[in-house]
Amino acid sequence: MSRIIRTEPNAVLAKAVEFHGFVYVQGCTAQTLSKDIRGQTEEVLNQIDTILETHGTDKTRLLQAQIWLKDIRDREAMNTVWSAWLPEGGAPARACVQAHMADSRHLVEIMVTACK
């Protein structure tokens, strides 16, 4: 039976789940809620980098991303930070939608899947 590795699991979720060389990262949100969309996106992407590194991979191995924005009008500003963060030629399959956030101060949430 293949091993499933869960990073920092609690009763509701794990930061990431690794299985068969794939790393499924939780939906990440900013901790500093006073930041604008650019600042929150940078903070979220830094969290994703850290989680991927914990599992021995990085953003060059991204396969898929799901992005939720509080306001879809922030898409262009978020994309500026997102595109600068991505490795050249390394964009994953992606969805980006507007959503009601659990905390109205969250402007963006990003969830990714990567391989090792």
N, C-alpha and C. Protein backbone atom coordinates (compact mmCIF):
# COMPACT_ATOMS: atom_id res chain seq x y z
N MET A 1 0.84 -1.18 0.00
CA MET A 1 0.00 0.00 0.00
C MET A 1 0.89 1.24 0.00
N SER A 2 0.52 2.23 -0.81
CA SER A 2 1.30 3.46 -0.90
C SER A 2 1.09 4.34 0.33
N ARG A 3 2.16 5.00 0.71
CA ARG A 3 2.14 5.86 1.89
C ARG A 3 1.55 7.22 1.57
N ILE A 4 0.70 7.73 2.46
CA ILE A 4 0.15 9.07 2.35
C ILE A 4 0.80 9.90 3.46
N ILE A 5 1.40 11.03 3.08
CA ILE A 5 2.06 11.91 4.04
C ILE A 5 1.21 13.17 4.19
N ARG A 6 0.79 13.45 5.42
CA ARG A 6 -0.01 14.64 5.71
C ARG A 6 0.84 15.61 6.54
N THR A 7 0.93 16.84 6.09
CA THR A 7 1.70 17.87 6.78
C THR A 7 0.80 18.66 7.71
N GLU A 8 1.13 18.65 8.99
CA GLU A 8 0.40 19.39 10.02
C GLU A 8 -1.12 19.20 9.94
N PRO A 9 -1.59 17.95 9.96
CA PRO A 9 -3.04 17.74 9.90
C PRO A 9 -3.72 18.15 11.20
N ASN A 10 -4.96 18.59 11.07
CA ASN A 10 -5.80 18.84 12.24
C ASN A 10 -7.15 18.20 11.98
N ALA A 11 -8.15 18.54 12.72
CA ALA A 11 -9.46 17.90 12.57
C ALA A 11 -10.15 18.25 11.26
N VAL A 12 -9.71 19.34 10.61
CA VAL A 12 -10.39 19.82 9.41
C VAL A 12 -9.58 19.64 8.13
N LEU A 13 -8.27 19.87 8.20
CA LEU A 13 -7.43 19.84 7.00
C LEU A 13 -5.97 19.62 7.35
N ALA A 14 -5.19 19.39 6.31
CA ALA A 14 -3.73 19.33 6.43
C ALA A 14 -3.16 20.43 5.55
N LYS A 15 -1.97 20.94 5.91
CA LYS A 15 -1.34 21.97 5.05
C LYS A 15 -1.09 21.42 3.66
N ALA A 16 -0.74 20.14 3.60
CA ALA A 16 -0.52 19.47 2.32
C ALA A 16 -0.68 17.98 2.52
N VAL A 17 -0.96 17.30 1.42
CA VAL A 17 -1.02 15.84 1.41
C VAL A 17 -0.18 15.38 0.23
N GLU A 18 0.74 14.47 0.51
CA GLU A 18 1.60 13.92 -0.53
C GLU A 18 1.24 12.46 -0.76
N PHE A 19 1.09 12.10 -2.04
CA PHE A 19 0.74 10.73 -2.40
C PHE A 19 1.24 10.44 -3.80
N HIS A 20 1.97 9.36 -3.96
CA HIS A 20 2.49 8.92 -5.26
C HIS A 20 3.24 10.02 -6.01
N GLY A 21 4.00 10.85 -5.29
CA GLY A 21 4.79 11.89 -5.93
C GLY A 21 4.04 13.16 -6.26
N PHE A 22 2.78 13.24 -5.84
CA PHE A 22 1.99 14.46 -6.02
C PHE A 22 1.82 15.13 -4.67
N VAL A 23 1.86 16.46 -4.67
CA VAL A 23 1.68 17.24 -3.45
C VAL A 23 0.48 18.15 -3.66
N TYR A 24 -0.52 17.94 -2.82
CA TYR A 24 -1.76 18.72 -2.85
C TYR A 24 -1.70 19.72 -1.70
N VAL A 25 -1.62 21.00 -2.03
CA VAL A 25 -1.46 22.05 -1.02
C VAL A 25 -2.83 22.64 -0.68
N GLN A 26 -3.03 22.88 0.60
CA GLN A 26 -4.28 23.49 1.07
C GLN A 26 -4.52 24.84 0.40
N GLY A 27 -5.72 25.35 0.52
CA GLY A 27 -5.99 26.73 0.12
C GLY A 27 -5.28 27.65 1.10
N CYS A 28 -4.36 28.46 0.61
CA CYS A 28 -3.57 29.36 1.47
C CYS A 28 -4.13 30.78 1.40
N THR A 29 -4.20 31.41 2.57
CA THR A 29 -4.64 32.80 2.67
C THR A 29 -3.60 33.59 3.46
N ALA A 30 -3.64 34.89 3.30
CA ALA A 30 -2.70 35.76 4.00
C ALA A 30 -3.01 35.80 5.49
N GLN A 31 -1.97 35.99 6.28
CA GLN A 31 -2.11 36.18 7.72
C GLN A 31 -2.23 37.66 8.06
N THR A 32 -1.61 38.52 7.25
CA THR A 32 -1.65 39.96 7.46
C THR A 32 -2.78 40.54 6.62
N LEU A 33 -3.95 40.66 7.23
CA LEU A 33 -5.15 41.00 6.49
C LEU A 33 -5.28 42.48 6.16
N SER A 34 -4.35 43.29 6.65
CA SER A 34 -4.36 44.72 6.31
C SER A 34 -3.71 44.99 4.96
N LYS A 35 -3.05 43.99 4.38
CA LYS A 35 -2.38 44.17 3.09
C LYS A 35 -3.39 44.24 1.95
N ASP A 36 -2.98 44.91 0.85
CA ASP A 36 -3.82 44.97 -0.34
C ASP A 36 -3.69 43.65 -1.11
N ILE A 37 -4.32 43.56 -2.27
CA ILE A 37 -4.33 42.31 -3.04
C ILE A 37 -2.91 41.88 -3.42
N ARG A 38 -2.06 42.82 -3.77
CA ARG A 38 -0.69 42.47 -4.12
C ARG A 38 0.05 41.89 -2.91
N GLY A 39 -0.07 42.56 -1.77
CA GLY A 39 0.61 42.10 -0.57
C GLY A 39 0.10 40.75 -0.10
N GLN A 40 -1.22 40.56 -0.14
CA GLN A 40 -1.77 39.27 0.27
C GLN A 40 -1.35 38.17 -0.70
N THR A 41 -1.33 38.45 -1.99
CA THR A 41 -0.90 37.45 -2.97
C THR A 41 0.56 37.06 -2.74
N GLU A 42 1.43 38.03 -2.51
CA GLU A 42 2.84 37.74 -2.23
C GLU A 42 2.97 36.85 -1.00
N GLU A 43 2.23 37.17 0.05
CA GLU A 43 2.29 36.38 1.28
C GLU A 43 1.81 34.94 1.04
N VAL A 44 0.74 34.79 0.29
CA VAL A 44 0.22 33.45 -0.02
C VAL A 44 1.24 32.66 -0.84
N LEU A 45 1.84 33.28 -1.84
CA LEU A 45 2.81 32.58 -2.68
C LEU A 45 4.05 32.18 -1.87
N ASN A 46 4.46 32.99 -0.92
CA ASN A 46 5.56 32.62 -0.03
C ASN A 46 5.19 31.40 0.81
N GLN A 47 3.95 31.34 1.29
CA GLN A 47 3.50 30.16 2.04
C GLN A 47 3.56 28.92 1.16
N ILE A 48 3.10 29.05 -0.08
CA ILE A 48 3.12 27.91 -1.00
C ILE A 48 4.55 27.45 -1.25
N ASP A 49 5.47 28.39 -1.46
CA ASP A 49 6.89 28.02 -1.62
C ASP A 49 7.39 27.20 -0.44
N THR A 50 7.06 27.63 0.76
CA THR A 50 7.51 26.94 1.98
C THR A 50 6.92 25.54 2.07
N ILE A 51 5.64 25.41 1.79
CA ILE A 51 4.99 24.09 1.86
C ILE A 51 5.57 23.15 0.81
N LEU A 52 5.75 23.65 -0.40
CA LEU A 52 6.33 22.81 -1.46
C LEU A 52 7.74 22.37 -1.10
N GLU A 53 8.53 23.28 -0.55
CA GLU A 53 9.89 22.95 -0.14
C GLU A 53 9.89 21.85 0.92
N THR A 54 8.95 21.90 1.84
CA THR A 54 8.82 20.87 2.87
C THR A 54 8.66 19.48 2.24
N HIS A 55 8.04 19.44 1.09
CA HIS A 55 7.78 18.17 0.40
C HIS A 55 8.79 17.88 -0.71
N GLY A 56 9.87 18.65 -0.74
CA GLY A 56 10.94 18.36 -1.70
C GLY A 56 10.62 18.73 -3.14
N THR A 57 9.80 19.73 -3.32
CA THR A 57 9.48 20.18 -4.67
C THR A 57 9.41 21.71 -4.67
N ASP A 58 9.03 22.29 -5.79
CA ASP A 58 8.94 23.74 -5.87
C ASP A 58 8.00 24.16 -6.98
N LYS A 59 7.88 25.46 -7.19
CA LYS A 59 6.92 26.00 -8.15
C LYS A 59 7.22 25.63 -9.60
N THR A 60 8.42 25.14 -9.89
CA THR A 60 8.72 24.68 -11.25
C THR A 60 7.99 23.39 -11.58
N ARG A 61 7.40 22.76 -10.57
CA ARG A 61 6.71 21.47 -10.73
C ARG A 61 5.20 21.60 -10.56
N LEU A 62 4.67 22.82 -10.65
CA LEU A 62 3.23 23.03 -10.50
C LEU A 62 2.46 22.39 -11.65
N LEU A 63 1.35 21.76 -11.30
CA LEU A 63 0.47 21.18 -12.30
C LEU A 63 -0.84 21.94 -12.42
N GLN A 64 -1.38 22.36 -11.28
CA GLN A 64 -2.70 22.97 -11.26
C GLN A 64 -2.77 24.02 -10.16
N ALA A 65 -3.58 25.05 -10.40
CA ALA A 65 -3.84 26.07 -9.38
C ALA A 65 -5.31 26.47 -9.42
N GLN A 66 -5.84 26.69 -8.24
CA GLN A 66 -7.20 27.22 -8.10
C GLN A 66 -7.07 28.50 -7.28
N ILE A 67 -7.63 29.58 -7.81
CA ILE A 67 -7.52 30.88 -7.15
C ILE A 67 -8.92 31.45 -6.95
N TRP A 68 -9.15 31.87 -5.70
CA TRP A 68 -10.40 32.53 -5.34
C TRP A 68 -10.09 33.97 -4.96
N LEU A 69 -10.83 34.90 -5.55
CA LEU A 69 -10.67 36.32 -5.24
C LEU A 69 -11.95 36.84 -4.61
N LYS A 70 -11.80 37.69 -3.61
CA LYS A 70 -12.97 38.33 -3.02
C LYS A 70 -13.67 39.20 -4.07
N ASP A 71 -12.87 39.85 -4.89
CA ASP A 71 -13.39 40.74 -5.93
C ASP A 71 -12.65 40.46 -7.23
N ILE A 72 -13.35 39.96 -8.23
CA ILE A 72 -12.72 39.57 -9.50
C ILE A 72 -12.04 40.76 -10.17
N ARG A 73 -12.41 41.98 -9.78
CA ARG A 73 -11.74 43.16 -10.34
C ARG A 73 -10.28 43.25 -9.89
N ASP A 74 -9.90 42.47 -8.86
CA ASP A 74 -8.51 42.41 -8.40
C ASP A 74 -7.66 41.44 -9.23
N ARG A 75 -8.27 40.81 -10.21
CA ARG A 75 -7.58 39.77 -10.99
C ARG A 75 -6.30 40.29 -11.66
N GLU A 76 -6.35 41.45 -12.26
CA GLU A 76 -5.17 41.99 -12.95
C GLU A 76 -4.02 42.24 -11.98
N ALA A 77 -4.31 42.85 -10.84
CA ALA A 77 -3.27 43.11 -9.85
C ALA A 77 -2.71 41.80 -9.29
N MET A 78 -3.59 40.84 -9.02
CA MET A 78 -3.13 39.54 -8.53
C MET A 78 -2.28 38.86 -9.60
N ASN A 79 -2.72 38.91 -10.85
CA ASN A 79 -1.97 38.27 -11.95
C ASN A 79 -0.57 38.86 -12.11
N THR A 80 -0.40 40.15 -11.82
CA THR A 80 0.92 40.77 -11.91
C THR A 80 1.89 40.09 -10.94
N VAL A 81 1.44 39.87 -9.71
CA VAL A 81 2.28 39.19 -8.71
C VAL A 81 2.44 37.72 -9.08
N TRP A 82 1.35 37.08 -9.45
CA TRP A 82 1.36 35.66 -9.82
C TRP A 82 2.34 35.40 -10.97
N SER A 83 2.24 36.19 -12.04
CA SER A 83 3.09 35.99 -13.21
C SER A 83 4.57 36.21 -12.90
N ALA A 84 4.87 37.19 -12.04
CA ALA A 84 6.26 37.44 -11.65
C ALA A 84 6.80 36.28 -10.82
N TRP A 85 5.94 35.59 -10.07
CA TRP A 85 6.34 34.47 -9.22
C TRP A 85 6.58 33.20 -10.02
N LEU A 86 5.81 33.00 -11.07
CA LEU A 86 5.92 31.76 -11.85
C LEU A 86 7.24 31.69 -12.60
N PRO A 87 7.81 30.47 -12.71
CA PRO A 87 8.99 30.33 -13.55
C PRO A 87 8.60 30.49 -15.03
N GLU A 88 9.51 31.00 -15.83
CA GLU A 88 9.22 31.20 -17.24
C GLU A 88 8.79 29.89 -17.89
N GLY A 89 7.68 29.92 -18.58
CA GLY A 89 7.16 28.73 -19.25
C GLY A 89 6.57 27.70 -18.31
N GLY A 90 6.38 28.05 -17.03
CA GLY A 90 5.93 27.07 -16.04
C GLY A 90 4.54 27.29 -15.50
N ALA A 91 3.67 27.94 -16.26
CA ALA A 91 2.32 28.19 -15.77
C ALA A 91 1.54 26.87 -15.69
N PRO A 92 0.82 26.66 -14.57
CA PRO A 92 0.01 25.45 -14.42
C PRO A 92 -1.37 25.64 -15.08
N ALA A 93 -2.13 24.56 -15.18
CA ALA A 93 -3.55 24.69 -15.50
C ALA A 93 -4.15 25.47 -14.34
N ARG A 94 -5.10 26.38 -14.63
CA ARG A 94 -5.54 27.28 -13.56
C ARG A 94 -6.99 27.70 -13.73
N ALA A 95 -7.64 27.89 -12.59
CA ALA A 95 -8.96 28.53 -12.54
C ALA A 95 -8.85 29.71 -11.60
N CYS A 96 -9.60 30.77 -11.90
CA CYS A 96 -9.61 31.96 -11.04
C CYS A 96 -11.03 32.49 -11.04
N VAL A 97 -11.65 32.50 -9.85
CA VAL A 97 -13.04 32.92 -9.74
C VAL A 97 -13.23 33.86 -8.56
N GLN A 98 -14.33 34.57 -8.58
CA GLN A 98 -14.73 35.39 -7.44
C GLN A 98 -15.49 34.50 -6.47
N ALA A 99 -15.27 34.72 -5.18
CA ALA A 99 -15.94 33.90 -4.16
C ALA A 99 -16.16 34.70 -2.89
N HIS A 100 -17.16 34.29 -2.13
CA HIS A 100 -17.35 34.85 -0.78
C HIS A 100 -16.32 34.17 0.11
N MET A 101 -15.50 34.95 0.78
CA MET A 101 -14.44 34.42 1.62
C MET A 101 -14.97 34.17 3.04
N ALA A 102 -14.37 33.21 3.73
CA ALA A 102 -14.77 32.90 5.10
C ALA A 102 -14.59 34.10 6.02
N ASP A 103 -13.53 34.87 5.77
CA ASP A 103 -13.28 36.12 6.48
C ASP A 103 -13.24 37.21 5.42
N SER A 104 -14.08 38.19 5.52
CA SER A 104 -14.20 39.22 4.47
C SER A 104 -12.92 40.02 4.25
N ARG A 105 -11.97 39.93 5.18
CA ARG A 105 -10.68 40.64 5.00
C ARG A 105 -9.73 39.88 4.08
N HIS A 106 -9.99 38.59 3.85
CA HIS A 106 -9.18 37.83 2.90
C HIS A 106 -9.54 38.26 1.48
N LEU A 107 -8.54 38.62 0.73
CA LEU A 107 -8.75 39.08 -0.65
C LEU A 107 -8.46 38.01 -1.68
N VAL A 108 -7.65 37.00 -1.28
CA VAL A 108 -7.25 35.94 -2.21
C VAL A 108 -6.97 34.65 -1.45
N GLU A 109 -7.30 33.54 -2.07
CA GLU A 109 -6.93 32.22 -1.56
C GLU A 109 -6.44 31.42 -2.76
N ILE A 110 -5.32 30.72 -2.56
CA ILE A 110 -4.72 29.95 -3.66
C ILE A 110 -4.43 28.55 -3.18
N MET A 111 -4.80 27.57 -4.02
CA MET A 111 -4.56 26.15 -3.75
C MET A 111 -3.84 25.58 -4.97
N VAL A 112 -2.78 24.82 -4.75
CA VAL A 112 -2.02 24.26 -5.88
C VAL A 112 -1.79 22.77 -5.71
N THR A 113 -1.50 22.13 -6.84
CA THR A 113 -1.05 20.76 -6.88
C THR A 113 0.27 20.75 -7.64
N ALA A 114 1.25 20.04 -7.10
CA ALA A 114 2.56 19.94 -7.75
C ALA A 114 3.00 18.47 -7.74
N CYS A 115 3.99 18.17 -8.54
CA CYS A 115 4.60 16.84 -8.50
C CYS A 115 6.03 16.98 -8.03
N LYS A 116 6.60 15.87 -7.65
CA LYS A 116 7.99 15.88 -7.16
C LYS A 116 8.94 15.65 -8.31
